[in-house]
Structures are given as structure tokens and as C-alpha cells.
Amino acid sequence: MNNQLSEILGLIRSHDSILITAHVLPDGDSIGSLTGFGLALEAAGKKVEMVMQDPVPAMYRFLRGTEKISLPHQLGSIPKLVIFLDCTDRSRAGVDWSEPYLQDVPSINIDHHVSNSFFASYNLVDPQAAATAEIVYTLVRELSIAISADIASALYTGIVMDTGSFQYESTTPHTLKTAAALLEQGVQLSCIKEHLYEQKSLKNYHLLAEAIGNISFAADGKIAWTYLDQAVMKRLQAKAEDCEGIVSYPISLANVKIGLFFRELTNGEVKVGLRCRTGFDVNKIARSFGGGGHQLAAGCTVEGPLQSAILRVITVTNEMMEARS
């Protein structure tokens, strides 16, 4: 269950050595929240270690502060407090490195996913928030920490990416007010726009071409999906970050109600991204496979091989579609 905001703030104020982490395969919200909160706590005089299991994708390295994010093997002493950002459960941060840092150490879980498992010692989960960065902004403000242009840019990036540039239904008046407040602190929109939307890699376009060629349909065109296998990833020498944005293409087709993107991982598992239109709930599908997220956007990882994984997930998706008809 959630703790009172005052409890969370008191815990942060009372600890000077803090480790902050976010989920594997980081996206804009996890990186923006991690960087923004890390810089803010440093400005408040805290000793802060920012760590992620996976490296910062190239498209987000323009944010000042991301150069301070460490990989697990670079960590120093065990902190007095651990903060998880944008993680639905503890394993999302990576279990191999994090366990020694959790023994006898209080932890805080800050997230906005409806599927959050409230796994930490203290939890601040707000599914009404459009992004974890939106919650972090509230915390920074309540801690009376001055928001620099670098902090504002990181948090603004997190909000922009998790709202689809304020297009998703998760965008609320509070979201827009938060974005406006961050803009007042010196966010450079042209710089953010260029790096997020105008610095695509050629590999991203090659992968997109492959994915578009793989699009298939079910349920009379109401379900659309595509996939990328390891053969393509290896041939193009592509990384996960080169697949940025592909998940949005199946759902963007006319008459499609649910769109899915399957990506085969090096270990044979399959990463699944799900998107849907209003009136459907892909979080239910993702949760049936051990994943989660939001009603309109969710994800999960399923066992391979690829085509078997596709068949299983599409079968469940089709069953949900039929139950509505």
C-alpha cells in the first residue's frame, strides 16, 4: 500500500547516502526521473549514486547528469537508502546486482504504473500521474530543492516521452501544469526536440522497414502485430535502443484496436510491447504473461521461441477481443 507523502519526504531528508536506480532497458521516463532526481538530491547536499543495469541509450545522453549514471560493477559503498524509480517490481531494476544493496537497507518505490506490486519498504505509487518524472517533480518541490535547468530538462524529457509528446490520454491538467513549471526553469525545447525526434539512427529506419514488412493481422484487422528476430538484429548489428518507436506503428493503422511488437532477445526470450485504443486494456494481457504497465500501454517478456511466443500472446489477445464482441 502507499505511504503518506510526508513519510517519504522524511525518510529522504534523514538519509545522506542514497542509491537511486531505474528499470532495465531504460526509456525516457526512467532516465529522466533518475537523472533529474539524482541531480536534485546532489544539490541538496546528499551523497548520491545513480545506477542502472543497462547503459544510457545514445538518444538520452544529451541530458546533463546522465554521465553520472553508473553500471553495477562501478558501485562503491553500500548506501543507507535505496530508491527505485519507474519499476513495477524489484526485479525490473535487475536482480543480480541489487540484492546486496537491499539487505537491511530501507527502500522507496516511486512509480506510476497501475500494475505496481508495492514491493519496497515505502511506496509512493500514483497511477494517475502520466510519468514517474511527474511524481519526482512533486517530491523535489516538496523537498524545497531549487530546480535548475538541467533538472528541469531531465524531468521534462521523462514527461514528454511517457505522454507521447502530450498526446496520450494519461496527460492531465496537472501534467501540463508540471510541464509548464519545468519550462519556466530554462528547458531548451529545441535541444530536446532535436535529440528525441531528429537524431534517429539509420539502423532504426532499417529495423522499421523490416518491422513494417512483417506486419500481420487478426480479428478482422482489429489486431495488428509485427516482430524483429535475432537474425535481423545481428545482421544490422542493432541494439535495443535502435528499436525505439517501432511499437507505435501497428496501433497507428486504421481500424486497429490493439497493436503489438515482438522482439526476440539474445537469450531466446521475447520482449512484447502492447498498445491499444480507448476501451481496451492491454495491461490485462501483459499481466497474464507476468508483465504489466497501463491500460493503453503495457509490456511483458515471454519464453521463446519467437513464433511460439507470438502465437500464445496473439491467442490471448484474440480471446479478449472476442469477449468484447
Protein backbone atom coordinates (compact mmCIF):
# COMPACT_ATOMS: atom_id res chain seq x y z
CA MET A 1 0.00 0.00 0.00
CA ASN A 2 1.01 3.63 -0.37
CA ASN A 3 2.71 5.58 2.37
CA GLN A 4 1.96 9.18 3.16
CA LEU A 5 3.98 11.71 1.18
CA SER A 6 5.24 13.12 4.49
CA GLU A 7 6.74 9.71 5.38
CA ILE A 8 8.60 9.53 2.07
CA LEU A 9 9.90 13.07 2.41
CA GLY A 10 11.01 12.47 6.00
CA LEU A 11 12.91 9.33 5.00
CA ILE A 12 14.74 11.14 2.20
CA ARG A 13 15.58 14.10 4.44
CA SER A 14 17.01 11.83 7.13
CA HIS A 15 19.45 9.95 4.88
CA ASP A 16 22.60 11.46 3.37
CA SER A 17 23.79 8.40 1.38
CA ILE A 18 21.25 7.40 -1.28
CA LEU A 19 21.33 4.99 -4.21
CA ILE A 20 18.80 5.62 -6.99
CA THR A 21 18.02 3.11 -9.71
CA ALA A 22 15.53 2.56 -12.54
CA HIS A 23 14.43 -0.32 -14.72
CA VAL A 24 16.37 -2.38 -17.24
CA LEU A 25 16.07 -1.44 -20.92
CA PRO A 26 15.68 2.19 -19.82
CA ASP A 27 13.30 4.59 -21.55
CA GLY A 28 12.88 8.35 -21.41
CA ASP A 29 10.86 8.40 -18.21
CA SER A 30 13.20 6.14 -16.25
CA ILE A 31 16.29 8.05 -17.36
CA GLY A 32 14.69 11.47 -16.98
CA SER A 33 13.41 10.61 -13.50
CA LEU A 34 16.72 9.09 -12.41
CA THR A 35 18.83 11.96 -13.71
CA GLY A 36 16.52 14.71 -12.51
CA PHE A 37 16.10 13.28 -9.02
CA GLY A 38 19.79 12.44 -8.72
CA LEU A 39 20.86 15.97 -9.60
CA ALA A 40 18.26 17.42 -7.26
CA LEU A 41 19.40 15.33 -4.29
CA GLU A 42 23.02 16.21 -5.03
CA ALA A 43 22.01 19.87 -4.98
CA ALA A 44 20.51 19.23 -1.54
CA GLY A 45 23.90 18.01 -0.28
CA LYS A 46 23.22 14.27 -0.46
CA LYS A 47 25.79 11.67 -1.47
CA VAL A 48 24.03 10.09 -4.44
CA GLU A 49 24.82 7.06 -6.58
CA MET A 50 22.75 6.73 -9.75
CA VAL A 51 22.90 3.24 -11.22
CA MET A 52 21.20 1.21 -13.94
CA GLN A 53 21.87 -2.32 -15.10
CA ASP A 54 21.89 -1.20 -18.74
CA PRO A 55 23.78 1.74 -20.30
CA VAL A 56 22.06 5.01 -21.12
CA PRO A 57 20.81 4.88 -24.74
CA ALA A 58 22.58 7.33 -27.03
CA MET A 59 19.46 9.43 -27.65
CA TYR A 60 19.32 10.46 -23.96
CA ARG A 61 22.99 11.19 -23.38
CA PHE A 62 22.47 14.86 -24.23
CA LEU A 63 20.90 15.30 -20.79
CA ARG A 64 23.44 16.71 -18.36
CA GLY A 65 23.78 14.34 -15.45
CA THR A 66 23.44 11.10 -17.41
CA GLU A 67 27.24 10.85 -17.42
CA LYS A 68 26.98 10.27 -13.65
CA ILE A 69 24.88 7.12 -14.06
CA SER A 70 26.97 4.08 -13.16
CA LEU A 71 26.79 0.44 -14.12
CA PRO A 72 26.51 -2.03 -11.20
CA HIS A 73 30.19 -3.03 -11.25
CA GLN A 74 31.17 0.62 -10.71
CA LEU A 75 29.28 0.98 -7.44
CA GLY A 76 31.09 1.96 -4.28
CA SER A 77 29.97 1.58 -0.67
CA ILE A 78 26.52 0.36 0.30
CA PRO A 79 24.16 3.33 0.75
CA LYS A 80 21.79 4.00 3.63
CA LEU A 81 18.69 4.28 1.41
CA VAL A 82 17.70 2.81 -1.96
CA ILE A 83 15.13 4.49 -4.24
CA PHE A 84 13.55 2.60 -7.15
CA LEU A 85 12.11 4.75 -9.93
CA ASP A 86 9.63 3.61 -12.59
CA CYS A 87 9.85 -0.06 -11.52
CA THR A 88 6.71 -2.17 -11.15
CA ASP A 89 8.60 -4.70 -9.06
CA ARG A 90 12.09 -5.16 -7.64
CA SER A 91 13.27 -7.42 -10.45
CA ARG A 92 12.71 -4.65 -13.01
CA ALA A 93 15.90 -2.99 -11.78
CA GLY A 94 17.87 -6.20 -12.27
CA VAL A 95 18.20 -8.76 -9.51
CA ASP A 96 21.81 -9.88 -9.89
CA TRP A 97 23.42 -6.65 -8.73
CA SER A 98 20.77 -5.13 -6.47
CA GLU A 99 20.29 -7.78 -3.78
CA PRO A 100 23.39 -6.89 -1.68
CA TYR A 101 22.22 -3.27 -1.64
CA LEU A 102 18.82 -4.17 -0.20
CA GLN A 103 19.83 -6.18 2.87
CA ASP A 104 18.92 -4.20 5.99
CA VAL A 105 18.56 -1.04 3.89
CA PRO A 106 15.22 0.79 3.66
CA SER A 107 13.89 1.24 0.15
CA ILE A 108 11.43 3.58 -1.56
CA ASN A 109 9.37 2.65 -4.61
CA ILE A 110 8.28 5.63 -6.73
CA ASP A 111 6.18 4.72 -9.76
CA HIS A 112 3.07 5.46 -11.82
CA HIS A 113 2.18 2.02 -13.24
CA VAL A 114 -1.18 0.56 -12.26
CA SER A 115 0.49 -2.88 -12.15
CA ASN A 116 2.96 -1.88 -9.42
CA SER A 117 3.42 -4.55 -6.74
CA PHE A 118 4.25 -2.17 -3.83
CA PHE A 119 7.46 -4.09 -3.22
CA ALA A 120 9.55 -1.63 -1.21
CA SER A 121 9.71 -0.66 2.45
CA TYR A 122 7.95 2.57 1.49
CA ASN A 123 5.81 3.09 -1.60
CA LEU A 124 4.64 6.15 -3.49
CA VAL A 125 2.65 4.91 -6.48
CA ASP A 126 0.30 7.21 -8.38
CA PRO A 127 -1.34 5.63 -11.46
CA GLN A 128 -2.96 8.98 -12.20
CA ALA A 129 0.44 10.50 -12.92
CA ALA A 130 1.38 10.47 -16.60
CA ALA A 131 5.02 9.71 -15.81
CA THR A 132 7.23 8.90 -12.86
CA ALA A 133 9.01 12.17 -13.65
CA GLU A 134 5.78 13.98 -12.76
CA ILE A 135 5.87 12.41 -9.27
CA VAL A 136 9.57 13.20 -8.91
CA TYR A 137 8.84 16.87 -9.68
CA THR A 138 6.38 16.94 -6.78
CA LEU A 139 8.97 15.39 -4.45
CA VAL A 140 11.69 17.84 -5.48
CA ARG A 141 9.35 20.75 -4.97
CA GLU A 142 8.20 19.46 -1.56
CA LEU A 143 11.84 18.99 -0.53
CA SER A 144 12.34 22.71 -1.29
CA ILE A 145 15.17 21.97 -3.73
CA ALA A 146 15.81 24.62 -6.38
CA ILE A 147 15.13 23.21 -9.84
CA SER A 148 17.98 24.00 -12.20
CA ALA A 149 17.70 23.96 -15.98
CA ASP A 150 19.43 20.54 -16.02
CA ILE A 151 16.99 19.04 -13.52
CA ALA A 152 14.06 20.56 -15.38
CA SER A 153 15.27 19.25 -18.75
CA ALA A 154 15.60 15.71 -17.42
CA LEU A 155 12.14 15.67 -15.83
CA TYR A 156 10.56 17.35 -18.84
CA THR A 157 12.09 14.70 -21.11
CA GLY A 158 10.61 11.97 -18.93
CA ILE A 159 7.15 13.50 -19.16
CA VAL A 160 7.38 14.13 -22.91
CA MET A 161 8.38 10.56 -23.69
CA ASP A 162 5.80 8.87 -21.46
CA THR A 163 2.95 11.03 -22.77
CA GLY A 164 3.85 10.73 -26.44
CA SER A 165 4.51 14.47 -26.53
CA PHE A 166 1.30 15.06 -24.54
CA GLN A 167 -0.84 13.03 -26.97
CA TYR A 168 -1.74 10.09 -24.70
CA GLU A 169 -4.87 10.04 -22.57
CA SER A 170 -2.69 9.86 -19.47
CA THR A 171 -1.95 13.57 -19.99
CA THR A 172 -3.87 15.55 -17.37
CA PRO A 173 -4.14 19.22 -16.47
CA HIS A 174 -1.65 18.51 -13.67
CA THR A 175 0.75 17.01 -16.22
CA LEU A 176 0.59 20.14 -18.35
CA LYS A 177 0.98 22.40 -15.32
CA THR A 178 4.06 20.42 -14.30
CA ALA A 179 5.50 20.72 -17.81
CA ALA A 180 4.82 24.46 -17.78
CA ALA A 181 6.56 24.84 -14.42
CA LEU A 182 9.58 22.97 -15.76
CA LEU A 183 9.68 25.14 -18.88
CA GLU A 184 9.90 28.19 -16.64
CA GLN A 185 13.18 26.80 -15.25
CA GLY A 186 15.02 27.07 -18.58
CA VAL A 187 14.24 23.92 -20.52
CA GLN A 188 15.55 24.30 -24.07
CA LEU A 189 12.78 22.88 -26.22
CA SER A 190 14.75 23.00 -29.47
CA CYS A 191 17.57 20.91 -27.97
CA ILE A 192 15.19 18.31 -26.55
CA LYS A 193 13.18 18.11 -29.77
CA GLU A 194 16.31 17.64 -31.85
CA HIS A 195 17.74 14.84 -29.73
CA LEU A 196 14.48 12.97 -29.15
CA TYR A 197 12.97 13.22 -32.61
CA GLU A 198 15.58 14.35 -35.11
CA GLN A 199 18.57 12.15 -34.30
CA LYS A 200 17.26 8.76 -35.44
CA SER A 201 19.89 6.20 -36.33
CA LEU A 202 19.96 4.69 -39.80
CA LYS A 203 19.63 1.31 -38.08
CA ASN A 204 16.32 2.47 -36.63
CA TYR A 205 14.99 3.08 -40.13
CA HIS A 206 16.32 -0.24 -41.39
CA LEU A 207 14.67 -2.04 -38.47
CA LEU A 208 11.45 -0.13 -39.05
CA ALA A 209 11.45 -1.23 -42.69
CA GLU A 210 11.86 -4.86 -41.58
CA ALA A 211 9.10 -4.49 -38.99
CA ILE A 212 6.67 -2.91 -41.43
CA GLY A 213 7.31 -5.79 -43.81
CA ASN A 214 6.44 -8.23 -41.01
CA ILE A 215 3.07 -6.73 -40.05
CA SER A 216 0.27 -9.26 -39.71
CA PHE A 217 -3.39 -9.03 -38.68
CA ALA A 218 -6.05 -10.96 -36.76
CA ALA A 219 -9.65 -10.41 -35.62
CA ASP A 220 -10.72 -8.91 -38.96
CA GLY A 221 -7.92 -6.35 -38.82
CA LYS A 222 -8.60 -5.20 -35.26
CA ILE A 223 -5.33 -6.75 -34.03
CA ALA A 224 -2.03 -5.93 -35.73
CA TRP A 225 1.43 -7.06 -34.80
CA THR A 226 4.97 -7.14 -36.06
CA TYR A 227 8.27 -8.65 -34.96
CA LEU A 228 12.04 -8.48 -35.22
CA ASP A 229 14.09 -11.64 -34.77
CA GLN A 230 17.70 -12.05 -33.73
CA ALA A 231 18.77 -12.76 -37.30
CA VAL A 232 17.78 -9.23 -38.31
CA MET A 233 19.23 -7.67 -35.15
CA LYS A 234 22.56 -9.41 -35.73
CA ARG A 235 22.65 -8.66 -39.46
CA LEU A 236 22.13 -4.97 -38.80
CA GLN A 237 24.30 -5.04 -35.64
CA ALA A 238 21.41 -3.34 -33.89
CA LYS A 239 20.78 -2.71 -30.19
CA ALA A 240 17.54 -2.44 -28.24
CA GLU A 241 17.69 1.35 -28.44
CA ASP A 242 17.64 1.15 -32.24
CA CYS A 243 14.08 -0.24 -31.96
CA GLU A 244 12.81 2.99 -30.37
CA GLY A 245 9.31 3.91 -31.56
CA ILE A 246 8.56 0.76 -33.58
CA VAL A 247 5.95 -0.36 -31.04
CA SER A 248 3.74 2.58 -32.07
CA TYR A 249 3.35 1.55 -35.71
CA PRO A 250 0.89 -1.38 -35.53
CA ILE A 251 -1.61 0.60 -33.42
CA SER A 252 -1.32 3.60 -35.75
CA LEU A 253 -3.04 1.71 -38.58
CA ALA A 254 -6.68 2.50 -39.35
CA ASN A 255 -9.26 0.19 -37.69
CA VAL A 256 -6.65 -1.49 -35.48
CA LYS A 257 -7.69 -1.63 -31.82
CA ILE A 258 -4.71 -3.49 -30.35
CA GLY A 259 -1.12 -3.34 -31.66
CA LEU A 260 1.82 -5.49 -30.60
CA PHE A 261 5.55 -5.54 -31.23
CA PHE A 262 7.59 -8.70 -30.57
CA ARG A 263 11.38 -8.51 -30.30
CA GLU A 264 13.47 -11.65 -29.89
CA LEU A 265 16.21 -11.27 -27.27
CA THR A 266 19.67 -12.83 -27.33
CA ASN A 267 18.70 -15.37 -24.67
CA GLY A 268 15.76 -16.63 -26.73
CA GLU A 269 13.10 -14.82 -24.73
CA VAL A 270 10.73 -12.42 -26.46
CA LYS A 271 10.06 -8.83 -25.39
CA VAL A 272 6.48 -7.79 -26.11
CA GLY A 273 5.19 -4.22 -26.32
CA LEU A 274 1.41 -3.73 -26.36
CA ARG A 275 -0.65 -0.67 -27.27
CA CYS A 276 -4.41 -0.22 -27.63
CA ARG A 277 -7.14 2.30 -28.19
CA THR A 278 -9.56 3.60 -25.57
CA GLY A 279 -11.98 0.94 -24.38
CA PHE A 280 -9.45 -1.89 -24.30
CA ASP A 281 -6.92 -2.89 -21.64
CA VAL A 282 -3.57 -4.34 -22.70
CA ASN A 283 -2.36 -4.31 -19.10
CA LYS A 284 -4.57 -7.37 -18.54
CA ILE A 285 -2.86 -9.17 -21.41
CA ALA A 286 0.61 -8.24 -20.19
CA ARG A 287 -0.19 -9.30 -16.63
CA SER A 288 -1.31 -12.73 -17.81
CA PHE A 289 2.28 -13.20 -19.01
CA GLY A 290 3.92 -11.77 -15.89
CA GLY A 291 4.26 -8.22 -17.19
CA GLY A 292 2.25 -5.06 -16.70
CA GLY A 293 2.03 -1.34 -17.33
CA HIS A 294 -1.00 0.77 -18.10
CA GLN A 295 -4.41 0.20 -19.62
CA LEU A 296 -3.37 1.61 -23.01
CA ALA A 297 0.32 0.68 -22.97
CA ALA A 298 2.00 -2.32 -21.36
CA GLY A 299 4.76 -4.84 -21.82
CA CYS A 300 5.96 -8.29 -20.85
CA THR A 301 8.68 -10.81 -21.58
CA VAL A 302 7.70 -14.35 -22.59
CA GLU A 303 9.58 -17.55 -23.29
CA GLY A 304 10.56 -18.30 -26.88
CA PRO A 305 10.91 -19.46 -29.50
CA LEU A 306 9.69 -16.34 -31.25
CA GLN A 307 6.86 -17.72 -33.37
CA SER A 308 5.55 -19.77 -30.47
CA ALA A 309 5.56 -16.69 -28.26
CA ILE A 310 3.71 -14.69 -30.91
CA LEU A 311 1.07 -17.41 -31.23
CA ARG A 312 0.48 -17.57 -27.46
CA VAL A 313 0.18 -13.81 -26.98
CA ILE A 314 -1.98 -13.28 -30.07
CA THR A 315 -4.28 -16.11 -28.93
CA VAL A 316 -4.86 -14.39 -25.58
CA THR A 317 -5.31 -11.04 -27.33
CA ASN A 318 -7.83 -12.51 -29.74
CA GLU A 319 -9.75 -14.12 -26.89
CA MET A 320 -10.03 -10.75 -25.19
CA MET A 321 -11.20 -9.20 -28.43
CA GLU A 322 -13.85 -11.90 -28.89
CA ALA A 323 -15.07 -11.45 -25.32
CA ARG A 324 -15.88 -7.83 -26.13
CA SER A 325 -17.86 -8.63 -29.28
